[in-house]
Every structure is written in C-alpha cells, then in structure tokens.
C-alpha cells in the first residue's frame, strides 16, 4: 500500500487533487484506491489535509493516514504551522511547491522534490480568486517523482472531470510540472 498526504490551505483544491490521483491510480490498474478529506473548522486559507491510498490489492483500511510514503505540500509556508516532517515515513518523499528550492532546509533520510507549481499555474492562466491553482501541476510532480501514475491517466481523469479547454490547460500545467520537477536526496 502507498500512502499520500496532501497539505494545503482551504481553497487550494487539496481534496480535488486527492480524488484525481485516486481515479488516475484506478485507471493505472491499482485494485485498491481511496481518497479522503480531513474535515474540521476549515476556512479559506486555513491548513487542510487530504489523503490518497493506492494499492495493488483491495484496501480494507479506511482510517486517516498517520504516516505517509509521500507528502505533497501545496504551500511551503505550511512548514511553519504544520508538522509535515513528522507525518512522513523514514525514507519517504516530500514534494514541495516552491519558487526557491535552495531555501528548503529539510534534513533527514528522505527524498525531496521541488517544483514552482505556482509559477506554472500562472503561466497557464490557472488562477482562481487571484491565487494560482497548484493542485494539478503537483499531480505532474507526483507522477515524475514516484513513477506510480502515468501522465496519460492523469489526462484522462482531467478530461472526464473538466470542460475541454480547462482540462487542456490543466494538463499542460501537469506536463510542464512533470518536466520542471527537481529531485534531490537529502541525507
């Protein structure tokens, strides 16, 4: 089983990203897929999480993910208010939306990947309420870093969920993020 935690802020599409990833995993022939939001008194801008589980076998566990194989961080400022590192397994992976990868000071035995998902979103005019839509570009980063889900299956899900023009713009951002993601091992 492969556990993913999405960290973002209310309004960034954390829940939708977790759902798209689960659907793409299903198309990738994973027999077990789940997607679950974590609800509380969230409001726009407040820290929010969602999770995705994928497995080659049917999943019989439906509890919240405590320790993830991969954490996807939509807003790097969350490191100041959320214990993201404490929820990633030793040897796990953190994917971070950041314009300044050299400023990421993560220490430990894990893989770190960075991508300027916000910049990519702006380039593709993926903006909602003046803020960049970073959830779909981060799907491209996840695909590159883990190799678990193909870009083709992400595209299929986007085309089923979104109007054609919007799906095309989102997939272009996914593709660009896939190519722009930088992976580094931290020891």
N, C-alpha and C. Protein backbone atom coordinates (compact mmCIF):
# COMPACT_ATOMS: atom_id res chain seq x y z
N UNK A 1 0.85 -1.18 0.00
CA UNK A 1 0.00 0.00 0.00
C UNK A 1 0.89 1.24 0.00
N UNK A 2 0.47 2.27 -0.72
CA UNK A 2 1.22 3.51 -0.84
C UNK A 2 0.33 4.64 -0.33
N UNK A 3 0.79 5.34 0.72
CA UNK A 3 0.01 6.40 1.37
C UNK A 3 0.54 7.78 1.02
N UNK A 4 -0.39 8.66 0.61
CA UNK A 4 -0.04 10.03 0.23
C UNK A 4 -0.87 11.00 1.06
N UNK A 5 -0.21 12.01 1.64
CA UNK A 5 -0.91 13.08 2.34
C UNK A 5 -0.69 14.37 1.56
N UNK A 6 -1.79 15.05 1.30
CA UNK A 6 -1.77 16.36 0.64
C UNK A 6 -1.92 17.43 1.72
N UNK A 7 -0.99 18.38 1.75
CA UNK A 7 -1.06 19.52 2.69
C UNK A 7 -1.27 20.79 1.87
N UNK A 8 -2.30 21.53 2.23
CA UNK A 8 -2.55 22.78 1.53
C UNK A 8 -3.33 23.72 2.42
N UNK A 9 -3.91 24.70 1.80
CA UNK A 9 -4.75 25.66 2.51
C UNK A 9 -6.14 25.60 1.89
N UNK A 10 -7.13 25.91 2.71
CA UNK A 10 -8.51 25.90 2.23
C UNK A 10 -8.65 26.72 0.96
N UNK A 11 -9.26 26.14 -0.05
CA UNK A 11 -9.44 26.82 -1.32
C UNK A 11 -8.41 26.46 -2.37
N UNK A 12 -7.37 25.68 -2.01
CA UNK A 12 -6.33 25.33 -2.98
C UNK A 12 -6.65 24.06 -3.77
N UNK A 13 -7.72 23.38 -3.45
CA UNK A 13 -8.07 22.17 -4.19
C UNK A 13 -7.39 20.92 -3.70
N UNK A 14 -7.10 20.87 -2.40
CA UNK A 14 -6.45 19.70 -1.80
C UNK A 14 -7.31 18.45 -2.00
N UNK A 15 -8.59 18.56 -1.70
CA UNK A 15 -9.50 17.41 -1.79
C UNK A 15 -9.64 16.95 -3.24
N UNK A 16 -9.77 17.88 -4.14
CA UNK A 16 -9.91 17.52 -5.56
C UNK A 16 -8.66 16.83 -6.08
N UNK A 17 -7.49 17.31 -5.68
CA UNK A 17 -6.24 16.68 -6.12
C UNK A 17 -6.15 15.24 -5.62
N UNK A 18 -6.53 15.01 -4.37
CA UNK A 18 -6.52 13.66 -3.81
C UNK A 18 -7.46 12.75 -4.58
N UNK A 19 -8.61 13.27 -4.98
CA UNK A 19 -9.58 12.49 -5.75
C UNK A 19 -9.08 12.19 -7.16
N UNK A 20 -8.49 13.17 -7.82
CA UNK A 20 -7.97 12.96 -9.17
C UNK A 20 -6.88 11.91 -9.14
N UNK A 21 -5.99 11.98 -8.15
CA UNK A 21 -4.92 11.00 -8.03
C UNK A 21 -5.49 9.59 -7.83
N UNK A 22 -6.51 9.46 -6.99
CA UNK A 22 -7.13 8.15 -6.76
C UNK A 22 -7.74 7.61 -8.05
N UNK A 23 -8.43 8.45 -8.80
CA UNK A 23 -9.04 7.99 -10.05
C UNK A 23 -7.98 7.60 -11.08
N UNK A 24 -6.90 8.37 -11.15
CA UNK A 24 -5.82 8.03 -12.08
C UNK A 24 -5.16 6.71 -11.67
N UNK A 25 -5.04 6.47 -10.38
CA UNK A 25 -4.47 5.21 -9.89
C UNK A 25 -5.36 4.03 -10.30
N UNK A 26 -6.67 4.24 -10.22
CA UNK A 26 -7.61 3.20 -10.65
C UNK A 26 -7.42 2.88 -12.13
N UNK A 27 -7.28 3.92 -12.94
CA UNK A 27 -7.04 3.72 -14.37
C UNK A 27 -5.69 3.05 -14.62
N UNK A 28 -4.77 3.21 -13.68
CA UNK A 28 -3.43 2.63 -13.77
C UNK A 28 -3.46 1.16 -13.36
N UNK A 29 -4.64 0.63 -13.08
CA UNK A 29 -4.87 -0.78 -12.71
C UNK A 29 -4.55 -1.10 -11.25
N UNK A 30 -4.50 -0.09 -10.40
CA UNK A 30 -4.42 -0.38 -8.97
C UNK A 30 -5.80 -0.87 -8.55
N UNK A 31 -5.85 -1.96 -7.81
CA UNK A 31 -7.13 -2.54 -7.39
C UNK A 31 -7.71 -1.85 -6.17
N UNK A 32 -6.84 -1.24 -5.38
CA UNK A 32 -7.30 -0.53 -4.19
C UNK A 32 -6.96 0.94 -4.29
N UNK A 33 -7.97 1.80 -4.21
CA UNK A 33 -7.75 3.24 -4.20
C UNK A 33 -8.76 3.88 -3.25
N UNK A 34 -8.30 4.81 -2.45
CA UNK A 34 -9.20 5.59 -1.61
C UNK A 34 -8.72 7.04 -1.61
N UNK A 35 -9.65 7.92 -1.35
CA UNK A 35 -9.36 9.34 -1.22
C UNK A 35 -10.23 9.86 -0.10
N UNK A 36 -9.62 10.58 0.84
CA UNK A 36 -10.40 11.06 1.98
C UNK A 36 -9.93 12.44 2.42
N UNK A 37 -10.87 13.36 2.60
CA UNK A 37 -10.51 14.66 3.16
C UNK A 37 -10.47 14.57 4.68
N UNK A 38 -9.78 15.50 5.30
CA UNK A 38 -9.82 15.64 6.75
C UNK A 38 -10.56 16.94 7.03
N UNK A 39 -11.74 16.81 7.60
CA UNK A 39 -12.56 17.99 7.83
C UNK A 39 -12.49 18.43 9.28
N UNK A 40 -12.58 19.68 9.47
CA UNK A 40 -12.62 20.32 10.78
C UNK A 40 -13.23 21.69 10.54
N UNK A 41 -12.84 22.66 11.33
CA UNK A 41 -13.40 24.00 11.14
C UNK A 41 -12.65 24.80 10.07
N UNK A 42 -12.33 24.13 8.94
CA UNK A 42 -11.55 24.80 7.90
C UNK A 42 -12.29 25.98 7.29
N UNK A 43 -11.49 26.89 6.83
CA UNK A 43 -11.99 28.04 6.09
C UNK A 43 -10.92 28.39 5.05
N UNK A 44 -11.27 29.22 4.13
CA UNK A 44 -10.31 29.58 3.08
C UNK A 44 -9.02 30.08 3.73
N UNK A 45 -7.91 29.49 3.32
CA UNK A 45 -6.60 29.88 3.82
C UNK A 45 -6.11 29.09 5.02
N UNK A 46 -6.98 28.36 5.70
CA UNK A 46 -6.56 27.57 6.86
C UNK A 46 -5.89 26.27 6.38
N UNK A 47 -4.95 25.72 7.17
CA UNK A 47 -4.33 24.45 6.78
C UNK A 47 -5.37 23.33 6.64
N UNK A 48 -5.24 22.56 5.57
CA UNK A 48 -6.16 21.48 5.24
C UNK A 48 -5.33 20.28 4.77
N UNK A 49 -5.82 19.07 5.05
CA UNK A 49 -5.17 17.88 4.50
C UNK A 49 -6.21 16.99 3.83
N UNK A 50 -5.70 16.17 2.94
CA UNK A 50 -6.49 15.11 2.33
C UNK A 50 -5.52 13.97 2.09
N UNK A 51 -6.05 12.78 1.89
CA UNK A 51 -5.17 11.65 1.68
C UNK A 51 -5.62 10.81 0.51
N UNK A 52 -4.65 10.11 -0.06
CA UNK A 52 -4.90 9.15 -1.12
C UNK A 52 -4.14 7.89 -0.77
N UNK A 53 -4.83 6.76 -0.86
CA UNK A 53 -4.17 5.47 -0.69
C UNK A 53 -4.31 4.71 -1.99
N UNK A 54 -3.22 4.08 -2.41
CA UNK A 54 -3.29 3.24 -3.59
C UNK A 54 -2.58 1.92 -3.29
N UNK A 55 -3.12 0.84 -3.86
CA UNK A 55 -2.59 -0.48 -3.58
C UNK A 55 -2.86 -1.41 -4.75
N UNK A 56 -1.99 -2.36 -4.94
CA UNK A 56 -2.19 -3.38 -5.97
C UNK A 56 -3.31 -4.34 -5.55
N UNK A 57 -3.59 -4.39 -4.26
CA UNK A 57 -4.65 -5.25 -3.71
C UNK A 57 -5.79 -4.38 -3.19
N UNK A 58 -7.00 -4.94 -3.04
CA UNK A 58 -8.09 -4.15 -2.45
C UNK A 58 -7.71 -3.61 -1.07
N UNK A 59 -8.19 -2.43 -0.76
CA UNK A 59 -7.86 -1.78 0.51
C UNK A 59 -8.98 -2.06 1.51
N UNK A 60 -8.58 -2.50 2.68
CA UNK A 60 -9.53 -2.78 3.74
C UNK A 60 -9.38 -1.81 4.92
N UNK A 61 -8.43 -0.87 4.78
CA UNK A 61 -8.17 0.12 5.82
C UNK A 61 -8.76 1.46 5.37
N UNK A 62 -9.60 2.05 6.21
CA UNK A 62 -10.23 3.31 5.82
C UNK A 62 -9.97 4.42 6.84
N UNK A 63 -9.02 4.19 7.73
CA UNK A 63 -8.67 5.22 8.71
C UNK A 63 -7.83 6.31 8.05
N UNK A 64 -7.68 7.43 8.75
CA UNK A 64 -6.83 8.50 8.26
C UNK A 64 -5.38 8.02 8.21
N UNK A 65 -4.63 8.56 7.30
CA UNK A 65 -3.21 8.22 7.19
C UNK A 65 -2.44 8.97 8.28
N UNK A 66 -1.71 8.21 9.07
CA UNK A 66 -0.88 8.82 10.12
C UNK A 66 0.52 9.13 9.59
N UNK A 67 1.11 8.15 8.89
CA UNK A 67 2.45 8.30 8.34
C UNK A 67 2.40 8.00 6.85
N UNK A 68 2.86 8.95 6.04
CA UNK A 68 2.75 8.82 4.59
C UNK A 68 4.06 8.40 3.95
N UNK A 69 3.93 7.76 2.82
CA UNK A 69 5.10 7.49 1.98
C UNK A 69 5.51 8.78 1.26
N UNK A 70 4.49 9.58 0.89
CA UNK A 70 4.73 10.86 0.21
C UNK A 70 3.84 11.94 0.80
N UNK A 71 4.43 13.09 1.06
CA UNK A 71 3.66 14.29 1.45
C UNK A 71 3.80 15.28 0.31
N UNK A 72 2.67 15.84 -0.12
CA UNK A 72 2.67 16.85 -1.16
C UNK A 72 2.25 18.16 -0.51
N UNK A 73 3.13 19.15 -0.60
CA UNK A 73 2.94 20.42 0.10
C UNK A 73 2.63 21.51 -0.93
N UNK A 74 1.39 21.99 -0.89
CA UNK A 74 0.95 22.99 -1.86
C UNK A 74 1.41 24.40 -1.51
N UNK A 75 1.72 24.64 -0.25
CA UNK A 75 2.10 25.98 0.22
C UNK A 75 3.24 25.80 1.21
N UNK A 76 4.45 26.22 0.82
CA UNK A 76 5.63 25.99 1.66
C UNK A 76 5.55 26.70 3.02
N UNK A 77 4.69 27.72 3.15
CA UNK A 77 4.56 28.38 4.45
C UNK A 77 3.93 27.45 5.49
N UNK A 78 3.34 26.35 5.06
CA UNK A 78 2.74 25.39 6.00
C UNK A 78 3.78 24.74 6.91
N UNK A 79 5.04 24.70 6.48
CA UNK A 79 6.09 24.13 7.33
C UNK A 79 6.19 24.87 8.66
N UNK A 80 5.77 26.14 8.69
CA UNK A 80 5.85 26.94 9.92
C UNK A 80 4.71 26.64 10.88
N UNK A 81 3.60 26.05 10.40
CA UNK A 81 2.43 25.85 11.26
C UNK A 81 1.95 24.40 11.35
N UNK A 82 2.49 23.52 10.51
CA UNK A 82 2.06 22.12 10.50
C UNK A 82 3.30 21.23 10.57
N UNK A 83 3.23 20.15 11.33
CA UNK A 83 4.34 19.20 11.43
C UNK A 83 4.31 18.23 10.24
N UNK A 84 4.69 18.73 9.10
CA UNK A 84 4.68 17.91 7.88
C UNK A 84 5.73 16.81 7.97
N UNK A 85 6.91 17.15 8.42
CA UNK A 85 8.00 16.17 8.51
C UNK A 85 7.64 15.00 9.44
N UNK A 86 6.89 15.29 10.48
CA UNK A 86 6.52 14.26 11.44
C UNK A 86 5.50 13.27 10.92
N UNK A 87 4.99 13.50 9.71
CA UNK A 87 3.98 12.61 9.13
C UNK A 87 4.48 11.87 7.90
N UNK A 88 5.81 11.92 7.67
CA UNK A 88 6.40 11.21 6.54
C UNK A 88 7.29 10.09 7.07
N UNK A 89 7.10 8.90 6.50
CA UNK A 89 7.90 7.75 6.90
C UNK A 89 9.37 7.98 6.60
N UNK A 90 10.24 7.36 7.40
CA UNK A 90 11.67 7.40 7.12
C UNK A 90 11.89 6.81 5.73
N UNK A 91 12.65 7.52 4.92
CA UNK A 91 12.87 7.10 3.55
C UNK A 91 11.77 7.55 2.60
N UNK A 92 10.80 8.30 3.12
CA UNK A 92 9.68 8.78 2.31
C UNK A 92 10.08 9.96 1.44
N UNK A 93 9.07 10.57 0.86
CA UNK A 93 9.28 11.65 -0.11
C UNK A 93 8.41 12.86 0.25
N UNK A 94 8.97 14.05 0.06
CA UNK A 94 8.21 15.29 0.20
C UNK A 94 8.31 16.03 -1.13
N UNK A 95 7.15 16.41 -1.67
CA UNK A 95 7.08 17.19 -2.90
C UNK A 95 6.56 18.57 -2.51
N UNK A 96 7.32 19.61 -2.84
CA UNK A 96 7.01 20.95 -2.36
C UNK A 96 6.83 21.93 -3.52
N UNK A 97 5.74 22.68 -3.47
CA UNK A 97 5.53 23.80 -4.38
C UNK A 97 6.36 24.95 -3.84
N UNK A 98 7.42 25.32 -4.54
CA UNK A 98 8.27 26.42 -4.11
C UNK A 98 8.95 27.07 -5.31
N UNK A 99 9.09 28.37 -5.24
CA UNK A 99 9.84 29.11 -6.25
C UNK A 99 11.32 29.18 -5.88
N UNK A 100 11.65 28.80 -4.63
CA UNK A 100 13.03 28.90 -4.13
C UNK A 100 13.50 27.58 -3.53
N UNK A 101 13.78 26.57 -4.36
CA UNK A 101 14.17 25.27 -3.82
C UNK A 101 15.44 25.33 -2.98
N UNK A 102 16.30 26.31 -3.26
CA UNK A 102 17.53 26.42 -2.47
C UNK A 102 17.26 26.84 -1.03
N UNK A 103 16.08 27.36 -0.76
CA UNK A 103 15.71 27.79 0.59
C UNK A 103 15.13 26.65 1.44
N UNK A 104 14.85 25.52 0.82
CA UNK A 104 14.27 24.40 1.55
C UNK A 104 15.36 23.75 2.39
N UNK A 105 15.19 23.79 3.69
CA UNK A 105 16.20 23.27 4.60
C UNK A 105 15.79 21.98 5.28
N UNK A 106 15.34 21.02 4.51
CA UNK A 106 14.88 19.76 5.08
C UNK A 106 16.07 18.84 5.30
N UNK A 107 16.17 18.34 6.51
CA UNK A 107 17.23 17.40 6.86
C UNK A 107 16.58 16.07 7.23
N UNK A 108 17.26 14.99 6.95
CA UNK A 108 16.73 13.68 7.30
C UNK A 108 16.87 12.71 6.15
N UNK A 109 16.46 11.51 6.40
CA UNK A 109 16.58 10.44 5.41
C UNK A 109 15.34 10.37 4.55
N UNK A 110 15.21 11.30 3.63
CA UNK A 110 14.06 11.29 2.74
C UNK A 110 14.41 11.95 1.42
N UNK A 111 13.59 11.68 0.44
CA UNK A 111 13.74 12.29 -0.87
C UNK A 111 12.93 13.59 -0.86
N UNK A 112 13.49 14.63 -1.43
CA UNK A 112 12.81 15.91 -1.53
C UNK A 112 12.74 16.29 -3.01
N UNK A 113 11.55 16.70 -3.43
CA UNK A 113 11.37 17.16 -4.81
C UNK A 113 10.70 18.53 -4.75
N UNK A 114 11.10 19.40 -5.65
CA UNK A 114 10.53 20.74 -5.67
C UNK A 114 10.10 21.10 -7.10
N UNK A 115 9.07 21.93 -7.15
CA UNK A 115 8.60 22.45 -8.43
C UNK A 115 7.90 23.78 -8.16
N UNK A 116 8.06 24.72 -9.04
CA UNK A 116 7.38 26.00 -8.91
C UNK A 116 5.99 25.86 -9.54
N UNK A 117 5.12 25.15 -8.83
CA UNK A 117 3.76 24.89 -9.33
C UNK A 117 2.97 26.18 -9.48
N UNK A 118 3.22 27.15 -8.60
CA UNK A 118 2.50 28.43 -8.69
C UNK A 118 2.89 29.16 -9.97
N UNK A 119 4.17 29.19 -10.27
CA UNK A 119 4.63 29.84 -11.50
C UNK A 119 4.06 29.16 -12.74
N UNK A 120 4.03 27.83 -12.71
CA UNK A 120 3.47 27.08 -13.84
C UNK A 120 1.98 27.37 -13.98
N UNK A 121 1.28 27.42 -12.86
CA UNK A 121 -0.16 27.72 -12.90
C UNK A 121 -0.40 29.11 -13.50
N UNK A 122 0.38 30.10 -13.07
CA UNK A 122 0.23 31.45 -13.63
C UNK A 122 0.50 31.45 -15.14
N UNK A 123 1.54 30.71 -15.56
CA UNK A 123 1.88 30.65 -16.99
C UNK A 123 0.74 30.09 -17.83
N UNK A 124 -0.05 29.21 -17.23
CA UNK A 124 -1.17 28.59 -17.96
C UNK A 124 -2.51 29.25 -17.64
N UNK A 125 -2.44 30.39 -16.96
CA UNK A 125 -3.64 31.14 -16.57
C UNK A 125 -4.60 30.32 -15.72
N UNK A 126 -4.03 29.48 -14.87
CA UNK A 126 -4.83 28.69 -13.93
C UNK A 126 -4.86 29.46 -12.62
N UNK A 127 -5.85 30.33 -12.52
CA UNK A 127 -5.96 31.22 -11.37
C UNK A 127 -7.42 31.21 -10.91
N UNK A 128 -7.60 31.16 -9.60
CA UNK A 128 -8.94 31.23 -9.01
C UNK A 128 -8.89 32.23 -7.87
N UNK A 129 -9.71 33.25 -7.94
CA UNK A 129 -9.72 34.27 -6.91
C UNK A 129 -8.39 34.98 -6.76
N UNK A 130 -7.64 35.08 -7.84
CA UNK A 130 -6.34 35.75 -7.82
C UNK A 130 -5.19 34.85 -7.39
N UNK A 131 -5.48 33.63 -6.94
CA UNK A 131 -4.44 32.71 -6.48
C UNK A 131 -4.19 31.63 -7.53
N UNK A 132 -2.93 31.19 -7.65
CA UNK A 132 -2.63 30.15 -8.63
C UNK A 132 -3.25 28.81 -8.21
N UNK A 133 -3.70 28.05 -9.20
CA UNK A 133 -4.25 26.71 -8.96
C UNK A 133 -3.08 25.74 -9.07
N UNK A 134 -2.56 25.30 -7.92
CA UNK A 134 -1.34 24.48 -7.91
C UNK A 134 -1.62 22.98 -7.78
N UNK A 135 -2.86 22.60 -7.54
CA UNK A 135 -3.12 21.18 -7.30
C UNK A 135 -2.83 20.32 -8.53
N UNK A 136 -3.23 20.74 -9.71
CA UNK A 136 -2.98 19.90 -10.88
C UNK A 136 -1.50 19.86 -11.27
N UNK A 137 -0.76 20.98 -11.25
CA UNK A 137 0.67 20.84 -11.53
C UNK A 137 1.37 19.87 -10.58
N UNK A 138 0.93 19.83 -9.33
CA UNK A 138 1.57 18.93 -8.38
C UNK A 138 1.28 17.46 -8.69
N UNK A 139 0.21 17.18 -9.42
CA UNK A 139 -0.02 15.82 -9.90
C UNK A 139 1.08 15.41 -10.87
N UNK A 140 1.53 16.33 -11.69
CA UNK A 140 2.64 16.06 -12.60
C UNK A 140 3.93 15.78 -11.84
N UNK A 141 4.16 16.55 -10.79
CA UNK A 141 5.35 16.32 -9.96
C UNK A 141 5.28 14.95 -9.31
N UNK A 142 4.11 14.57 -8.79
CA UNK A 142 3.94 13.25 -8.18
C UNK A 142 4.24 12.15 -9.20
N UNK A 143 3.73 12.30 -10.41
CA UNK A 143 3.97 11.30 -11.45
C UNK A 143 5.47 11.13 -11.71
N UNK A 144 6.18 12.23 -11.81
CA UNK A 144 7.62 12.15 -12.08
C UNK A 144 8.38 11.53 -10.92
N UNK A 145 8.08 11.96 -9.71
CA UNK A 145 8.85 11.54 -8.54
C UNK A 145 8.62 10.07 -8.21
N UNK A 146 7.38 9.61 -8.30
CA UNK A 146 7.08 8.24 -7.87
C UNK A 146 7.04 7.24 -9.02
N UNK A 147 6.68 7.68 -10.21
CA UNK A 147 6.52 6.76 -11.32
C UNK A 147 5.31 5.84 -11.19
N UNK A 148 4.45 6.10 -10.22
CA UNK A 148 3.30 5.23 -9.97
C UNK A 148 2.13 5.47 -10.93
N UNK A 149 1.96 6.72 -11.35
CA UNK A 149 0.80 7.10 -12.17
C UNK A 149 1.31 7.77 -13.44
N UNK A 150 0.78 7.34 -14.57
CA UNK A 150 1.22 7.92 -15.84
C UNK A 150 0.54 9.26 -16.10
N UNK A 151 1.20 10.07 -16.90
CA UNK A 151 0.59 11.34 -17.32
C UNK A 151 -0.67 11.07 -18.15
N UNK A 152 -0.67 10.01 -18.93
CA UNK A 152 -1.85 9.67 -19.73
C UNK A 152 -3.09 9.47 -18.85
N UNK A 153 -2.93 8.77 -17.74
CA UNK A 153 -4.08 8.53 -16.87
C UNK A 153 -4.52 9.78 -16.13
N UNK A 154 -3.59 10.65 -15.78
CA UNK A 154 -3.97 11.94 -15.19
C UNK A 154 -4.77 12.74 -16.21
N UNK A 155 -4.31 12.74 -17.45
CA UNK A 155 -5.02 13.47 -18.50
C UNK A 155 -6.44 12.92 -18.69
N UNK A 156 -6.59 11.61 -18.70
CA UNK A 156 -7.92 11.01 -18.86
C UNK A 156 -8.88 11.47 -17.77
N UNK A 157 -8.39 11.50 -16.53
CA UNK A 157 -9.25 11.93 -15.42
C UNK A 157 -9.61 13.40 -15.56
N UNK A 158 -8.64 14.23 -15.90
CA UNK A 158 -8.92 15.66 -16.08
C UNK A 158 -9.97 15.88 -17.17
N UNK A 159 -9.87 15.13 -18.25
CA UNK A 159 -10.83 15.29 -19.36
C UNK A 159 -12.22 14.81 -18.97
N UNK A 160 -12.31 13.86 -18.04
CA UNK A 160 -13.63 13.41 -17.57
C UNK A 160 -14.24 14.39 -16.59
N UNK A 161 -13.41 15.09 -15.81
CA UNK A 161 -13.90 15.95 -14.74
C UNK A 161 -14.12 17.41 -15.16
N UNK A 162 -13.39 17.85 -16.17
CA UNK A 162 -13.39 19.27 -16.53
C UNK A 162 -13.83 19.49 -17.97
N UNK A 163 -14.29 20.69 -18.24
CA UNK A 163 -14.60 21.08 -19.62
C UNK A 163 -13.31 21.01 -20.44
N UNK A 164 -13.44 20.77 -21.73
CA UNK A 164 -12.28 20.52 -22.59
C UNK A 164 -11.19 21.57 -22.48
N UNK A 165 -11.52 22.84 -22.63
CA UNK A 165 -10.49 23.89 -22.59
C UNK A 165 -9.79 23.94 -21.24
N UNK A 166 -10.57 23.79 -20.18
CA UNK A 166 -9.99 23.82 -18.83
C UNK A 166 -9.13 22.58 -18.60
N UNK A 167 -9.59 21.44 -19.08
CA UNK A 167 -8.81 20.20 -18.95
C UNK A 167 -7.49 20.32 -19.71
N UNK A 168 -7.54 20.88 -20.91
CA UNK A 168 -6.32 21.04 -21.71
C UNK A 168 -5.31 21.96 -21.01
N UNK A 169 -5.78 23.07 -20.46
CA UNK A 169 -4.88 24.00 -19.75
C UNK A 169 -4.29 23.33 -18.51
N UNK A 170 -5.13 22.59 -17.78
CA UNK A 170 -4.64 21.90 -16.59
C UNK A 170 -3.63 20.82 -16.95
N UNK A 171 -3.90 20.08 -18.03
CA UNK A 171 -2.95 19.03 -18.40
C UNK A 171 -1.64 19.63 -18.89
N UNK A 172 -1.70 20.74 -19.58
CA UNK A 172 -0.45 21.41 -19.99
C UNK A 172 0.38 21.78 -18.76
N UNK A 173 -0.28 22.22 -17.71
CA UNK A 173 0.41 22.55 -16.45
C UNK A 173 0.97 21.28 -15.80
N UNK A 174 0.22 20.19 -15.83
CA UNK A 174 0.69 18.90 -15.30
C UNK A 174 1.97 18.50 -16.03
N UNK A 175 1.94 18.58 -17.34
CA UNK A 175 3.08 18.19 -18.18
C UNK A 175 4.30 19.06 -17.89
N UNK A 176 4.09 20.37 -17.81
CA UNK A 176 5.20 21.28 -17.52
C UNK A 176 5.79 21.02 -16.14
N UNK A 177 4.93 20.75 -15.16
CA UNK A 177 5.42 20.46 -13.81
C UNK A 177 6.21 19.16 -13.79
N UNK A 178 5.73 18.16 -14.53
CA UNK A 178 6.46 16.89 -14.64
C UNK A 178 7.89 17.17 -15.09
N UNK A 179 8.03 17.98 -16.12
CA UNK A 179 9.35 18.27 -16.68
C UNK A 179 10.19 19.20 -15.82
N UNK A 180 9.55 20.05 -15.02
CA UNK A 180 10.28 21.04 -14.21
C UNK A 180 10.63 20.54 -12.81
N UNK A 181 10.08 19.43 -12.39
CA UNK A 181 10.32 18.94 -11.03
C UNK A 181 11.78 18.53 -10.85
N UNK A 182 12.35 19.03 -9.76
CA UNK A 182 13.74 18.70 -9.42
C UNK A 182 13.73 17.76 -8.22
N UNK A 183 14.45 16.67 -8.32
CA UNK A 183 14.50 15.67 -7.25
C UNK A 183 15.90 15.67 -6.65
N UNK A 184 15.93 15.70 -5.32
CA UNK A 184 17.22 15.63 -4.64
C UNK A 184 17.08 14.72 -3.42
N UNK A 185 18.09 13.95 -3.15
CA UNK A 185 18.08 13.10 -1.97
C UNK A 185 18.76 13.86 -0.84
N UNK A 186 18.13 13.86 0.31
CA UNK A 186 18.70 14.51 1.50
C UNK A 186 19.10 13.43 2.48
N UNK A 187 20.28 13.50 2.99
CA UNK A 187 20.75 12.52 3.98
C UNK A 187 21.14 13.26 5.24
